[in-house]
Amino acid sequence: YVMDAFPGLALLSAVALAGLVRGGAARRRTVLAGFSLLGVAAAVLALTPWFAPAPRRPDLQVVAHAARTLVPADSVILTPSGDYFAIANQFVYYSRHPLGVPIGDSARVRAALDRGQWGLFDDAQRAAFLGADSLAYPVVVASGRWSLVHAAPRPAVRLEASEAFE
């Protein structure tokens, strides 16, 4: 990772800056300017909506928590299509299950569900990929626009007693 290089880069930049700024008063002004710039940057980040983190999806967290208890531990949960990276980190963290890369083909999605895999769908994906076959692929758990789908017959839902957002 790059983080191991940060202390070395900081020392090298300090040595280079010390070579450029020779006088004591100039060094004090340089340090003051650096801390002022750092303070302004921190204030801008704290007080403006710029660089805000991606929005949390509490409905996705509920479905992920359900997946933690319903889906077997070694299973990969399929995703039919969409922006994998927008949901993967949050879902994987709360469900403790890996997400498969988006399949993109309705026949392959149905074949995977028929083999016993679980699928994570939003409302639009469920309508597009399973629309007419909604009885063959029932929603096991749903929250907001997200749902966990499995091939029929629908498995019994029994969730573990734990904090959903731990």
N, C-alpha and C. Protein backbone atom coordinates (compact mmCIF):
# COMPACT_ATOMS: atom_id res chain seq x y z
N TYR A 1 0.81 -1.18 0.00
CA TYR A 1 0.00 0.00 0.00
C TYR A 1 0.87 1.25 0.00
N VAL A 2 0.28 2.34 -0.42
CA VAL A 2 1.00 3.60 -0.52
C VAL A 2 1.24 4.22 0.85
N MET A 3 0.39 3.89 1.84
CA MET A 3 0.50 4.52 3.16
C MET A 3 1.88 4.30 3.79
N ASP A 4 2.55 3.22 3.46
CA ASP A 4 3.88 2.99 4.00
C ASP A 4 4.88 4.03 3.50
N ALA A 5 4.60 4.65 2.37
CA ALA A 5 5.52 5.62 1.80
C ALA A 5 5.33 7.03 2.36
N PHE A 6 4.21 7.30 3.02
CA PHE A 6 3.93 8.66 3.49
C PHE A 6 4.99 9.21 4.46
N PRO A 7 5.44 8.48 5.47
CA PRO A 7 6.47 9.05 6.34
C PRO A 7 7.76 9.39 5.59
N GLY A 8 8.15 8.52 4.68
CA GLY A 8 9.35 8.79 3.90
C GLY A 8 9.18 10.00 3.00
N LEU A 9 8.03 10.13 2.38
CA LEU A 9 7.77 11.30 1.53
C LEU A 9 7.73 12.58 2.36
N ALA A 10 7.16 12.50 3.57
CA ALA A 10 7.12 13.68 4.44
C ALA A 10 8.53 14.12 4.82
N LEU A 11 9.39 13.15 5.15
CA LEU A 11 10.77 13.51 5.51
C LEU A 11 11.53 14.09 4.32
N LEU A 12 11.37 13.49 3.15
CA LEU A 12 12.05 14.01 1.96
C LEU A 12 11.57 15.42 1.61
N SER A 13 10.27 15.66 1.72
CA SER A 13 9.77 17.00 1.41
C SER A 13 10.23 18.01 2.47
N ALA A 14 10.35 17.59 3.73
CA ALA A 14 10.85 18.49 4.77
C ALA A 14 12.31 18.85 4.53
N VAL A 15 13.11 17.88 4.13
CA VAL A 15 14.52 18.15 3.83
C VAL A 15 14.64 19.09 2.64
N ALA A 16 13.82 18.86 1.60
CA ALA A 16 13.85 19.73 0.42
C ALA A 16 13.41 21.14 0.78
N LEU A 17 12.37 21.26 1.59
CA LEU A 17 11.87 22.57 1.99
C LEU A 17 12.88 23.30 2.87
N ALA A 18 13.56 22.55 3.74
CA ALA A 18 14.59 23.17 4.59
C ALA A 18 15.74 23.69 3.75
N GLY A 19 16.04 23.04 2.66
CA GLY A 19 17.09 23.52 1.76
C GLY A 19 16.68 24.78 1.02
N LEU A 20 15.42 24.93 0.74
CA LEU A 20 14.94 26.11 0.01
C LEU A 20 14.72 27.31 0.92
N VAL A 21 14.26 27.07 2.13
CA VAL A 21 13.95 28.15 3.07
C VAL A 21 15.06 28.18 4.12
N ARG A 22 15.93 29.16 4.03
CA ARG A 22 17.13 29.16 4.87
C ARG A 22 16.98 29.92 6.20
N GLY A 23 16.34 31.06 6.20
CA GLY A 23 16.27 31.89 7.40
C GLY A 23 15.22 31.42 8.39
N GLY A 24 15.43 31.75 9.66
CA GLY A 24 14.50 31.35 10.71
C GLY A 24 13.13 32.00 10.56
N ALA A 25 13.09 33.29 10.21
CA ALA A 25 11.80 33.98 10.03
C ALA A 25 11.05 33.41 8.83
N ALA A 26 11.78 33.09 7.78
CA ALA A 26 11.13 32.51 6.60
C ALA A 26 10.57 31.13 6.91
N ARG A 27 11.28 30.36 7.73
CA ARG A 27 10.78 29.03 8.11
C ARG A 27 9.51 29.15 8.95
N ARG A 28 9.48 30.12 9.88
CA ARG A 28 8.28 30.32 10.69
C ARG A 28 7.09 30.70 9.80
N ARG A 29 7.32 31.61 8.82
CA ARG A 29 6.24 31.99 7.90
C ARG A 29 5.78 30.80 7.06
N THR A 30 6.71 29.97 6.65
CA THR A 30 6.36 28.78 5.85
C THR A 30 5.53 27.80 6.67
N VAL A 31 5.94 27.56 7.92
CA VAL A 31 5.18 26.66 8.79
C VAL A 31 3.80 27.25 9.06
N LEU A 32 3.72 28.56 9.33
CA LEU A 32 2.44 29.21 9.57
C LEU A 32 1.54 29.11 8.32
N ALA A 33 2.11 29.32 7.15
CA ALA A 33 1.33 29.23 5.91
C ALA A 33 0.84 27.79 5.70
N GLY A 34 1.68 26.82 5.99
CA GLY A 34 1.28 25.41 5.82
C GLY A 34 0.13 25.03 6.75
N PHE A 35 0.24 25.42 8.02
CA PHE A 35 -0.84 25.12 8.96
C PHE A 35 -2.11 25.91 8.63
N SER A 36 -1.95 27.13 8.14
CA SER A 36 -3.13 27.92 7.73
C SER A 36 -3.83 27.25 6.56
N LEU A 37 -3.06 26.79 5.60
CA LEU A 37 -3.64 26.10 4.45
C LEU A 37 -4.34 24.81 4.89
N LEU A 38 -3.73 24.09 5.81
CA LEU A 38 -4.34 22.87 6.33
C LEU A 38 -5.65 23.18 7.07
N GLY A 39 -5.67 24.25 7.86
CA GLY A 39 -6.87 24.65 8.58
C GLY A 39 -8.00 25.07 7.64
N VAL A 40 -7.66 25.82 6.60
CA VAL A 40 -8.67 26.23 5.62
C VAL A 40 -9.24 25.01 4.90
N ALA A 41 -8.38 24.08 4.52
CA ALA A 41 -8.84 22.86 3.84
C ALA A 41 -9.75 22.05 4.75
N ALA A 42 -9.40 21.92 6.02
CA ALA A 42 -10.24 21.18 6.97
C ALA A 42 -11.58 21.87 7.15
N ALA A 43 -11.60 23.20 7.24
CA ALA A 43 -12.86 23.93 7.39
C ALA A 43 -13.74 23.77 6.16
N VAL A 44 -13.14 23.82 4.98
CA VAL A 44 -13.91 23.65 3.75
C VAL A 44 -14.53 22.26 3.70
N LEU A 45 -13.75 21.23 4.04
CA LEU A 45 -14.27 19.87 4.02
C LEU A 45 -15.35 19.64 5.08
N ALA A 46 -15.21 20.29 6.23
CA ALA A 46 -16.16 20.08 7.32
C ALA A 46 -17.45 20.88 7.12
N LEU A 47 -17.36 22.04 6.48
CA LEU A 47 -18.51 22.94 6.43
C LEU A 47 -19.22 22.99 5.08
N THR A 48 -18.71 22.30 4.09
CA THR A 48 -19.36 22.30 2.77
C THR A 48 -19.74 20.89 2.37
N PRO A 49 -20.66 20.76 1.45
CA PRO A 49 -21.04 19.41 0.99
C PRO A 49 -20.06 18.81 -0.02
N TRP A 50 -18.98 19.52 -0.34
CA TRP A 50 -18.02 18.99 -1.30
C TRP A 50 -17.35 17.76 -0.72
N PHE A 51 -17.06 16.83 -1.56
CA PHE A 51 -16.36 15.59 -1.20
C PHE A 51 -17.11 14.80 -0.12
N ALA A 52 -18.43 14.88 -0.15
CA ALA A 52 -19.24 14.14 0.81
C ALA A 52 -19.15 12.64 0.49
N PRO A 53 -19.21 11.80 1.50
CA PRO A 53 -19.17 10.36 1.23
C PRO A 53 -20.43 9.90 0.51
N ALA A 54 -20.34 8.74 -0.08
CA ALA A 54 -21.50 8.17 -0.77
C ALA A 54 -22.64 7.97 0.25
N PRO A 55 -23.87 8.16 -0.17
CA PRO A 55 -24.98 8.02 0.77
C PRO A 55 -25.12 6.59 1.27
N ARG A 56 -25.44 6.46 2.52
CA ARG A 56 -25.70 5.15 3.10
C ARG A 56 -27.08 4.70 2.66
N ARG A 57 -27.26 3.43 2.55
CA ARG A 57 -28.55 2.87 2.17
C ARG A 57 -29.04 1.98 3.31
N PRO A 58 -29.87 2.50 4.20
CA PRO A 58 -30.33 1.68 5.32
C PRO A 58 -31.15 0.48 4.86
N ASP A 59 -31.88 0.61 3.73
CA ASP A 59 -32.64 -0.54 3.23
C ASP A 59 -31.71 -1.65 2.75
N LEU A 60 -30.59 -1.30 2.14
CA LEU A 60 -29.62 -2.30 1.72
C LEU A 60 -28.97 -2.97 2.93
N GLN A 61 -28.76 -2.21 4.00
CA GLN A 61 -28.18 -2.77 5.21
C GLN A 61 -29.11 -3.82 5.83
N VAL A 62 -30.41 -3.57 5.81
CA VAL A 62 -31.36 -4.53 6.37
C VAL A 62 -31.33 -5.82 5.57
N VAL A 63 -31.33 -5.73 4.26
CA VAL A 63 -31.27 -6.92 3.41
C VAL A 63 -29.94 -7.64 3.60
N ALA A 64 -28.86 -6.89 3.75
CA ALA A 64 -27.55 -7.51 3.98
C ALA A 64 -27.52 -8.26 5.30
N HIS A 65 -28.12 -7.69 6.33
CA HIS A 65 -28.18 -8.38 7.61
C HIS A 65 -28.98 -9.67 7.51
N ALA A 66 -30.06 -9.62 6.76
CA ALA A 66 -30.85 -10.84 6.55
C ALA A 66 -30.03 -11.87 5.79
N ALA A 67 -29.26 -11.43 4.82
CA ALA A 67 -28.43 -12.36 4.04
C ALA A 67 -27.39 -13.02 4.93
N ARG A 68 -26.94 -12.31 5.95
CA ARG A 68 -25.95 -12.88 6.86
C ARG A 68 -26.46 -14.16 7.52
N THR A 69 -27.74 -14.19 7.84
CA THR A 69 -28.29 -15.34 8.54
C THR A 69 -28.98 -16.34 7.62
N LEU A 70 -29.48 -15.91 6.47
CA LEU A 70 -30.22 -16.81 5.59
C LEU A 70 -29.34 -17.55 4.58
N VAL A 71 -28.32 -16.89 4.08
CA VAL A 71 -27.50 -17.45 3.01
C VAL A 71 -26.36 -18.27 3.63
N PRO A 72 -26.11 -19.48 3.12
CA PRO A 72 -24.99 -20.28 3.65
C PRO A 72 -23.66 -19.52 3.59
N ALA A 73 -22.80 -19.79 4.54
CA ALA A 73 -21.58 -19.01 4.73
C ALA A 73 -20.66 -18.99 3.52
N ASP A 74 -20.60 -20.04 2.75
CA ASP A 74 -19.66 -20.09 1.64
C ASP A 74 -20.27 -19.67 0.31
N SER A 75 -21.46 -19.11 0.33
CA SER A 75 -22.17 -18.75 -0.91
C SER A 75 -21.82 -17.35 -1.38
N VAL A 76 -21.79 -17.21 -2.70
CA VAL A 76 -21.64 -15.91 -3.34
C VAL A 76 -23.03 -15.47 -3.77
N ILE A 77 -23.39 -14.24 -3.44
CA ILE A 77 -24.70 -13.71 -3.79
C ILE A 77 -24.59 -13.03 -5.15
N LEU A 78 -25.46 -13.42 -6.08
CA LEU A 78 -25.35 -12.88 -7.42
C LEU A 78 -26.02 -11.52 -7.53
N THR A 79 -25.51 -10.71 -8.44
CA THR A 79 -26.12 -9.43 -8.78
C THR A 79 -26.41 -9.47 -10.28
N PRO A 80 -27.63 -9.16 -10.69
CA PRO A 80 -27.96 -9.30 -12.10
C PRO A 80 -27.31 -8.25 -13.00
N SER A 81 -27.28 -7.02 -12.57
CA SER A 81 -26.70 -5.94 -13.38
C SER A 81 -26.53 -4.73 -12.48
N GLY A 82 -26.13 -3.63 -13.08
CA GLY A 82 -26.06 -2.39 -12.33
C GLY A 82 -24.66 -2.02 -11.89
N ASP A 83 -24.60 -1.00 -11.05
CA ASP A 83 -23.33 -0.48 -10.58
C ASP A 83 -22.87 -1.29 -9.38
N TYR A 84 -22.06 -2.29 -9.64
CA TYR A 84 -21.57 -3.21 -8.60
C TYR A 84 -20.85 -2.45 -7.49
N PHE A 85 -20.00 -1.50 -7.86
CA PHE A 85 -19.17 -0.83 -6.87
C PHE A 85 -19.94 0.14 -5.99
N ALA A 86 -21.13 0.55 -6.41
CA ALA A 86 -21.94 1.44 -5.58
C ALA A 86 -22.54 0.72 -4.38
N ILE A 87 -22.72 -0.59 -4.48
CA ILE A 87 -23.35 -1.32 -3.38
C ILE A 87 -22.44 -2.35 -2.73
N ALA A 88 -21.38 -2.75 -3.41
CA ALA A 88 -20.58 -3.90 -2.96
C ALA A 88 -19.99 -3.69 -1.57
N ASN A 89 -19.34 -2.57 -1.32
CA ASN A 89 -18.67 -2.39 -0.03
C ASN A 89 -19.64 -2.46 1.13
N GLN A 90 -20.75 -1.76 1.02
CA GLN A 90 -21.71 -1.74 2.11
C GLN A 90 -22.38 -3.11 2.28
N PHE A 91 -22.76 -3.75 1.19
CA PHE A 91 -23.43 -5.04 1.30
C PHE A 91 -22.48 -6.11 1.83
N VAL A 92 -21.27 -6.15 1.32
CA VAL A 92 -20.31 -7.17 1.76
C VAL A 92 -19.97 -6.98 3.24
N TYR A 93 -19.83 -5.75 3.68
CA TYR A 93 -19.51 -5.49 5.08
C TYR A 93 -20.61 -5.99 6.01
N TYR A 94 -21.87 -5.67 5.70
CA TYR A 94 -22.96 -6.03 6.61
C TYR A 94 -23.43 -7.47 6.45
N SER A 95 -23.24 -8.07 5.28
CA SER A 95 -23.73 -9.43 5.08
C SER A 95 -22.65 -10.48 5.35
N ARG A 96 -21.39 -10.09 5.24
CA ARG A 96 -20.27 -11.02 5.36
C ARG A 96 -20.29 -12.07 4.26
N HIS A 97 -20.85 -11.71 3.11
CA HIS A 97 -20.89 -12.58 1.93
C HIS A 97 -20.34 -11.82 0.74
N PRO A 98 -19.60 -12.49 -0.12
CA PRO A 98 -19.14 -11.81 -1.34
C PRO A 98 -20.29 -11.67 -2.34
N LEU A 99 -20.20 -10.61 -3.14
CA LEU A 99 -21.15 -10.40 -4.22
C LEU A 99 -20.50 -10.82 -5.53
N GLY A 100 -21.24 -11.51 -6.36
CA GLY A 100 -20.73 -11.86 -7.67
C GLY A 100 -20.77 -10.65 -8.59
N VAL A 101 -19.92 -10.64 -9.59
CA VAL A 101 -19.94 -9.54 -10.55
C VAL A 101 -21.25 -9.61 -11.33
N PRO A 102 -21.77 -8.47 -11.79
CA PRO A 102 -23.06 -8.47 -12.49
C PRO A 102 -23.06 -9.40 -13.70
N ILE A 103 -24.11 -10.21 -13.80
CA ILE A 103 -24.22 -11.19 -14.88
C ILE A 103 -24.73 -10.54 -16.16
N GLY A 104 -25.81 -9.78 -16.08
CA GLY A 104 -26.29 -9.03 -17.22
C GLY A 104 -27.18 -9.79 -18.19
N ASP A 105 -27.37 -11.08 -18.02
CA ASP A 105 -28.19 -11.87 -18.94
C ASP A 105 -29.30 -12.55 -18.15
N SER A 106 -30.54 -12.36 -18.59
CA SER A 106 -31.69 -12.87 -17.85
C SER A 106 -31.66 -14.40 -17.75
N ALA A 107 -31.30 -15.08 -18.81
CA ALA A 107 -31.27 -16.55 -18.78
C ALA A 107 -30.21 -17.06 -17.81
N ARG A 108 -29.06 -16.42 -17.78
CA ARG A 108 -27.99 -16.84 -16.86
C ARG A 108 -28.36 -16.53 -15.41
N VAL A 109 -29.06 -15.41 -15.18
CA VAL A 109 -29.51 -15.08 -13.82
C VAL A 109 -30.49 -16.15 -13.33
N ARG A 110 -31.45 -16.51 -14.17
CA ARG A 110 -32.44 -17.53 -13.79
C ARG A 110 -31.78 -18.89 -13.58
N ALA A 111 -30.81 -19.23 -14.43
CA ALA A 111 -30.11 -20.51 -14.28
C ALA A 111 -29.35 -20.56 -12.95
N ALA A 112 -28.73 -19.45 -12.58
CA ALA A 112 -28.00 -19.40 -11.30
C ALA A 112 -28.97 -19.54 -10.13
N LEU A 113 -30.11 -18.89 -10.20
CA LEU A 113 -31.11 -19.02 -9.14
C LEU A 113 -31.66 -20.44 -9.08
N ASP A 114 -31.84 -21.07 -10.23
CA ASP A 114 -32.31 -22.46 -10.26
C ASP A 114 -31.30 -23.42 -9.63
N ARG A 115 -30.00 -23.07 -9.70
CA ARG A 115 -28.96 -23.90 -9.07
C ARG A 115 -28.89 -23.69 -7.56
N GLY A 116 -29.71 -22.80 -7.03
CA GLY A 116 -29.74 -22.59 -5.59
C GLY A 116 -29.04 -21.35 -5.11
N GLN A 117 -28.52 -20.54 -6.01
CA GLN A 117 -27.87 -19.30 -5.58
C GLN A 117 -28.90 -18.29 -5.12
N TRP A 118 -28.44 -17.36 -4.32
CA TRP A 118 -29.27 -16.25 -3.86
C TRP A 118 -28.93 -15.04 -4.73
N GLY A 119 -29.90 -14.15 -4.89
CA GLY A 119 -29.68 -12.96 -5.70
C GLY A 119 -30.09 -11.70 -4.98
N LEU A 120 -29.34 -10.65 -5.19
CA LEU A 120 -29.65 -9.32 -4.66
C LEU A 120 -30.18 -8.48 -5.81
N PHE A 121 -31.42 -8.04 -5.70
CA PHE A 121 -32.07 -7.29 -6.77
C PHE A 121 -32.63 -5.99 -6.22
N ASP A 122 -32.61 -4.94 -7.05
CA ASP A 122 -33.45 -3.79 -6.73
C ASP A 122 -34.75 -3.96 -7.51
N ASP A 123 -35.71 -3.08 -7.30
CA ASP A 123 -37.03 -3.25 -7.92
C ASP A 123 -36.96 -3.31 -9.44
N ALA A 124 -36.17 -2.42 -10.04
CA ALA A 124 -36.08 -2.38 -11.50
C ALA A 124 -35.43 -3.65 -12.05
N GLN A 125 -34.40 -4.13 -11.38
CA GLN A 125 -33.73 -5.35 -11.83
C GLN A 125 -34.66 -6.56 -11.70
N ARG A 126 -35.41 -6.63 -10.63
CA ARG A 126 -36.33 -7.75 -10.44
C ARG A 126 -37.39 -7.76 -11.52
N ALA A 127 -37.91 -6.60 -11.89
CA ALA A 127 -38.91 -6.52 -12.95
C ALA A 127 -38.30 -6.88 -14.31
N ALA A 128 -37.07 -6.44 -14.55
CA ALA A 128 -36.43 -6.68 -15.85
C ALA A 128 -35.99 -8.14 -16.02
N PHE A 129 -35.45 -8.74 -14.97
CA PHE A 129 -34.87 -10.07 -15.09
C PHE A 129 -35.85 -11.19 -14.74
N LEU A 130 -36.79 -10.93 -13.83
CA LEU A 130 -37.67 -12.00 -13.35
C LEU A 130 -39.15 -11.69 -13.53
N GLY A 131 -39.48 -10.59 -14.14
CA GLY A 131 -40.84 -10.07 -14.22
C GLY A 131 -41.95 -11.09 -14.29
N ALA A 132 -42.03 -11.88 -15.34
CA ALA A 132 -43.13 -12.82 -15.52
C ALA A 132 -42.98 -14.05 -14.62
N ASP A 133 -41.78 -14.34 -14.17
CA ASP A 133 -41.53 -15.53 -13.35
C ASP A 133 -41.40 -15.20 -11.88
N SER A 134 -42.13 -14.22 -11.40
CA SER A 134 -41.96 -13.80 -10.01
C SER A 134 -42.40 -14.88 -9.02
N LEU A 135 -43.29 -15.80 -9.43
CA LEU A 135 -43.68 -16.88 -8.53
C LEU A 135 -42.61 -17.97 -8.47
N ALA A 136 -41.86 -18.14 -9.54
CA ALA A 136 -40.78 -19.13 -9.56
C ALA A 136 -39.56 -18.64 -8.78
N TYR A 137 -39.44 -17.32 -8.67
CA TYR A 137 -38.30 -16.71 -7.96
C TYR A 137 -38.84 -15.71 -6.95
N PRO A 138 -39.35 -16.19 -5.81
CA PRO A 138 -39.99 -15.28 -4.86
C PRO A 138 -38.98 -14.43 -4.08
N VAL A 139 -39.47 -13.30 -3.64
CA VAL A 139 -38.68 -12.44 -2.76
C VAL A 139 -38.71 -13.05 -1.37
N VAL A 140 -37.54 -13.29 -0.80
CA VAL A 140 -37.46 -13.86 0.54
C VAL A 140 -37.48 -12.76 1.59
N VAL A 141 -36.70 -11.72 1.36
CA VAL A 141 -36.64 -10.57 2.26
C VAL A 141 -36.56 -9.32 1.40
N ALA A 142 -37.29 -8.29 1.78
CA ALA A 142 -37.26 -7.03 1.05
C ALA A 142 -37.23 -5.88 2.04
N SER A 143 -36.54 -4.83 1.65
CA SER A 143 -36.51 -3.60 2.43
C SER A 143 -36.27 -2.45 1.46
N GLY A 144 -37.15 -1.47 1.47
CA GLY A 144 -37.03 -0.36 0.53
C GLY A 144 -37.10 -0.88 -0.89
N ARG A 145 -36.11 -0.55 -1.69
CA ARG A 145 -36.12 -1.01 -3.07
C ARG A 145 -35.26 -2.25 -3.29
N TRP A 146 -34.65 -2.81 -2.24
CA TRP A 146 -33.77 -3.97 -2.37
C TRP A 146 -34.48 -5.24 -1.90
N SER A 147 -34.13 -6.35 -2.54
CA SER A 147 -34.71 -7.63 -2.14
C SER A 147 -33.71 -8.75 -2.33
N LEU A 148 -33.87 -9.78 -1.52
CA LEU A 148 -33.08 -10.99 -1.59
C LEU A 148 -33.99 -12.06 -2.18
N VAL A 149 -33.57 -12.66 -3.28
CA VAL A 149 -34.41 -13.57 -4.05
C VAL A 149 -33.78 -14.96 -4.08
N HIS A 150 -34.63 -15.97 -4.04
CA HIS A 150 -34.20 -17.37 -4.13
C HIS A 150 -35.24 -18.12 -4.96
N ALA A 151 -34.83 -19.21 -5.57
CA ALA A 151 -35.77 -20.01 -6.36
C ALA A 151 -36.81 -20.63 -5.45
N ALA A 152 -38.01 -20.86 -6.00
CA ALA A 152 -39.09 -21.48 -5.23
C ALA A 152 -38.73 -22.92 -4.89
N PRO A 153 -39.19 -23.46 -3.82
CA PRO A 153 -40.08 -22.87 -2.84
C PRO A 153 -39.33 -21.87 -1.95
N ARG A 154 -40.06 -20.89 -1.52
CA ARG A 154 -39.47 -19.82 -0.70
C ARG A 154 -39.00 -20.40 0.62
N PRO A 155 -37.71 -20.18 0.97
CA PRO A 155 -37.20 -20.70 2.25
C PRO A 155 -37.83 -19.97 3.44
N ALA A 156 -37.87 -20.65 4.55
CA ALA A 156 -38.37 -20.02 5.78
C ALA A 156 -37.41 -18.93 6.23
N VAL A 157 -37.96 -17.87 6.74
CA VAL A 157 -37.14 -16.75 7.18
C VAL A 157 -37.01 -16.82 8.69
N ARG A 158 -35.78 -17.01 9.15
CA ARG A 158 -35.49 -17.01 10.58
C ARG A 158 -34.17 -16.24 10.73
N LEU A 159 -34.26 -15.04 11.27
CA LEU A 159 -33.09 -14.18 11.40
C LEU A 159 -32.48 -14.35 12.77
N GLU A 160 -31.16 -14.20 12.85
CA GLU A 160 -30.47 -14.31 14.13
C GLU A 160 -30.76 -13.06 14.95
N ALA A 161 -30.76 -13.25 16.25
CA ALA A 161 -31.00 -12.13 17.16
C ALA A 161 -29.68 -11.41 17.39
N SER A 162 -29.48 -10.33 16.65
CA SER A 162 -28.27 -9.52 16.79
C SER A 162 -28.57 -8.12 16.34
N GLU A 163 -27.66 -7.25 16.59
CA GLU A 163 -27.79 -5.87 16.15
C GLU A 163 -27.57 -5.83 14.64
N ALA A 164 -28.54 -5.26 13.92
CA ALA A 164 -28.50 -5.27 12.45
C ALA A 164 -27.31 -4.49 11.90
N PHE A 165 -26.88 -3.45 12.58
CA PHE A 165 -25.86 -2.58 12.02
C PHE A 165 -24.58 -2.61 12.83
N GLU A 166 -24.18 -3.79 13.26
CA GLU A 166 -22.94 -3.91 14.03
C GLU A 166 -21.76 -4.06 13.12
